[in-house]
Amino acid sequence: GLPPILVVSTTNDPATPYQAGVDLARQLGGTLVTFEGTQHTVALQGDSCIDDIVTRYLVDVTVPSPDTRC
């Protein structure tokens, strides 16, 4: 089958509303990770919580528990 889908959405993203990430994860049946912040791009930008999750996903194709927050 297909691998799990990981969606990271930022609460105060200036370019993409947080709800868009929530909706995307729901529509695709993916796992949502919420980042409490104000930037648009957060993956591999120095936040250890997000970076660890993204690295595990890219290397091992694993997703965290639903409703994970960083």
Protein backbone atom coordinates (compact mmCIF):
# COMPACT_ATOMS: atom_id res chain seq x y z
CA GLY A 1 0.00 0.00 0.00
CA LEU A 2 0.85 3.63 0.06
CA PRO A 3 3.06 5.10 2.79
CA PRO A 4 1.50 7.23 5.53
CA ILE A 5 1.12 10.94 4.83
CA LEU A 6 2.64 13.57 7.11
CA VAL A 7 1.30 17.13 7.13
CA VAL A 8 2.99 19.88 9.15
CA SER A 9 0.95 23.05 9.62
CA THR A 10 1.96 26.22 11.47
CA THR A 11 -0.58 27.99 13.66
CA ASN A 12 0.26 31.52 12.47
CA ASP A 13 1.75 30.84 9.03
CA PRO A 14 1.72 34.13 7.08
CA ALA A 15 1.28 32.36 3.71
CA THR A 16 -0.90 29.30 4.36
CA PRO A 17 -3.72 29.32 6.91
CA TYR A 18 -3.39 26.69 9.64
CA GLN A 19 -6.86 25.35 8.81
CA ALA A 20 -5.66 24.51 5.29
CA GLY A 21 -3.17 22.05 6.79
CA VAL A 22 -5.83 20.59 9.05
CA ASP A 23 -8.15 20.13 6.08
CA LEU A 24 -5.40 18.62 3.90
CA ALA A 25 -4.46 16.04 6.53
CA ARG A 26 -8.12 15.10 6.96
CA GLN A 27 -8.80 14.88 3.21
CA LEU A 28 -5.72 12.72 2.58
CA GLY A 29 -6.13 10.58 5.69
CA GLY A 30 -2.76 11.82 6.90
CA THR A 31 -1.24 12.64 10.25
CA LEU A 32 -1.22 16.31 11.25
CA VAL A 33 1.64 17.83 13.22
CA THR A 34 0.90 21.32 14.53
CA PHE A 35 3.77 23.78 14.90
CA GLU A 36 3.14 26.71 17.21
CA GLY A 37 4.84 29.55 15.37
CA THR A 38 4.75 32.31 12.80
CA GLN A 39 6.97 31.14 9.95
CA HIS A 40 5.93 29.49 6.69
CA THR A 41 8.65 26.86 6.37
CA VAL A 42 9.51 24.88 9.50
CA ALA A 43 10.87 21.51 8.34
CA LEU A 44 14.61 21.17 8.87
CA GLN A 45 14.93 24.80 9.97
CA GLY A 46 16.37 24.20 13.43
CA ASP A 47 13.38 23.26 15.61
CA SER A 48 14.36 19.90 17.12
CA CYS A 49 10.76 18.77 17.65
CA ILE A 50 9.77 19.25 13.99
CA ASP A 51 13.17 18.22 12.63
CA ASP A 52 13.07 14.91 14.53
CA ILE A 53 9.56 14.14 13.23
CA VAL A 54 10.42 15.03 9.63
CA THR A 55 13.70 13.09 9.73
CA ARG A 56 11.97 9.97 11.10
CA TYR A 57 9.36 10.30 8.36
CA LEU A 58 11.93 10.69 5.56
CA VAL A 59 14.25 7.95 6.83
CA ASP A 60 11.86 5.40 8.35
CA VAL A 61 8.49 6.44 6.84
CA THR A 62 6.96 6.70 10.31
CA VAL A 63 4.54 9.32 11.57
CA PRO A 64 3.99 10.52 15.14
CA SER A 65 0.83 10.16 17.20
CA PRO A 66 -2.18 12.05 15.86
CA ASP A 67 -2.48 15.63 17.10
CA THR A 68 1.24 16.00 17.88
CA ARG A 69 2.21 19.60 18.66
CA CYS A 70 5.60 21.26 18.63
